[in-house]
Amino acid sequence: MPVKYLGWLVEIIYEDQSGKITKRRIQVKSIRSGMIRADDLLSGKPRMFRESGLLACRPIRTTA
């Protein structure tokens, strides 16, 4: 995930270590050492994602 997405709302498709694929909406807090720290918008809880598990990402457009 590009560092330019820090602070952005992003939709991701992610594969966890067990092979389960999920689609999530997150707000990126930090990217460091192959790990993405973010808030999951559905659950409202902080999450950690491995960059290697990231299958796709795109910014979410917000309206003012």
Protein backbone atom coordinates (compact mmCIF):
# COMPACT_ATOMS: atom_id res chain seq x y z
CA MET A 1 0.00 0.00 0.00
CA PRO A 2 1.43 3.36 -0.95
CA VAL A 3 2.37 5.68 1.92
CA LYS A 4 0.27 8.37 0.21
CA TYR A 5 -2.83 6.65 1.69
CA LEU A 6 -1.90 7.60 5.27
CA GLY A 7 -5.00 9.11 6.86
CA TRP A 8 -7.23 8.15 3.93
CA LEU A 9 -10.35 6.01 3.87
CA VAL A 10 -9.51 2.97 1.75
CA GLU A 11 -11.40 -0.11 0.61
CA ILE A 12 -9.24 -3.24 0.60
CA ILE A 13 -9.50 -6.87 -0.36
CA TYR A 14 -7.38 -8.84 2.07
CA GLU A 15 -6.31 -12.46 2.47
CA ASP A 16 -5.50 -13.48 6.05
CA GLN A 17 -2.97 -16.13 7.08
CA SER A 18 -5.60 -18.89 6.99
CA GLY A 19 -6.51 -18.00 3.38
CA LYS A 20 -9.84 -16.28 4.13
CA ILE A 21 -10.52 -13.35 1.78
CA THR A 22 -12.45 -10.33 3.05
CA LYS A 23 -13.42 -6.91 1.76
CA ARG A 24 -12.97 -4.12 4.30
CA ARG A 25 -13.19 -0.36 4.59
CA ILE A 26 -10.40 1.07 6.71
CA GLN A 27 -8.81 4.36 7.70
CA VAL A 28 -5.05 4.00 7.42
CA LYS A 29 -3.17 5.15 10.54
CA SER A 30 0.39 3.99 9.79
CA ILE A 31 2.43 1.78 7.48
CA ARG A 32 5.64 0.36 8.92
CA SER A 33 7.77 -2.77 8.42
CA GLY A 34 5.23 -4.47 6.16
CA MET A 35 2.32 -3.86 8.55
CA ILE A 36 -0.65 -1.55 8.08
CA ARG A 37 -2.28 -0.16 11.23
CA ALA A 38 -5.82 1.02 10.56
CA ASP A 39 -9.29 1.51 12.01
CA ASP A 40 -11.88 -0.89 10.59
CA LEU A 41 -14.89 1.27 9.71
CA LEU A 42 -17.44 -1.56 10.08
CA SER A 43 -16.42 -2.68 13.57
CA GLY A 44 -14.91 0.64 14.68
CA LYS A 45 -11.92 -1.23 16.11
CA PRO A 46 -8.21 -0.88 15.37
CA ARG A 47 -6.74 -3.62 13.17
CA MET A 48 -3.36 -4.68 11.82
CA PHE A 49 -2.94 -6.00 8.28
CA ARG A 50 0.12 -7.54 6.62
CA GLU A 51 0.98 -5.73 3.39
CA SER A 52 1.72 -9.11 1.82
CA GLY A 53 -1.94 -10.12 2.38
CA LEU A 54 -3.27 -7.09 0.55
CA LEU A 55 -4.81 -8.18 -2.77
CA ALA A 56 -6.31 -4.84 -3.84
CA CYS A 57 -6.89 -1.34 -2.49
CA ARG A 58 -8.61 1.84 -3.64
CA PRO A 59 -9.38 5.15 -1.98
CA ILE A 60 -12.98 5.80 -0.97
CA ARG A 61 -14.37 9.02 -2.33
CA THR A 62 -16.11 11.15 0.26
CA THR A 63 -18.45 14.04 -0.43
CA ALA A 64 -18.32 17.29 1.44
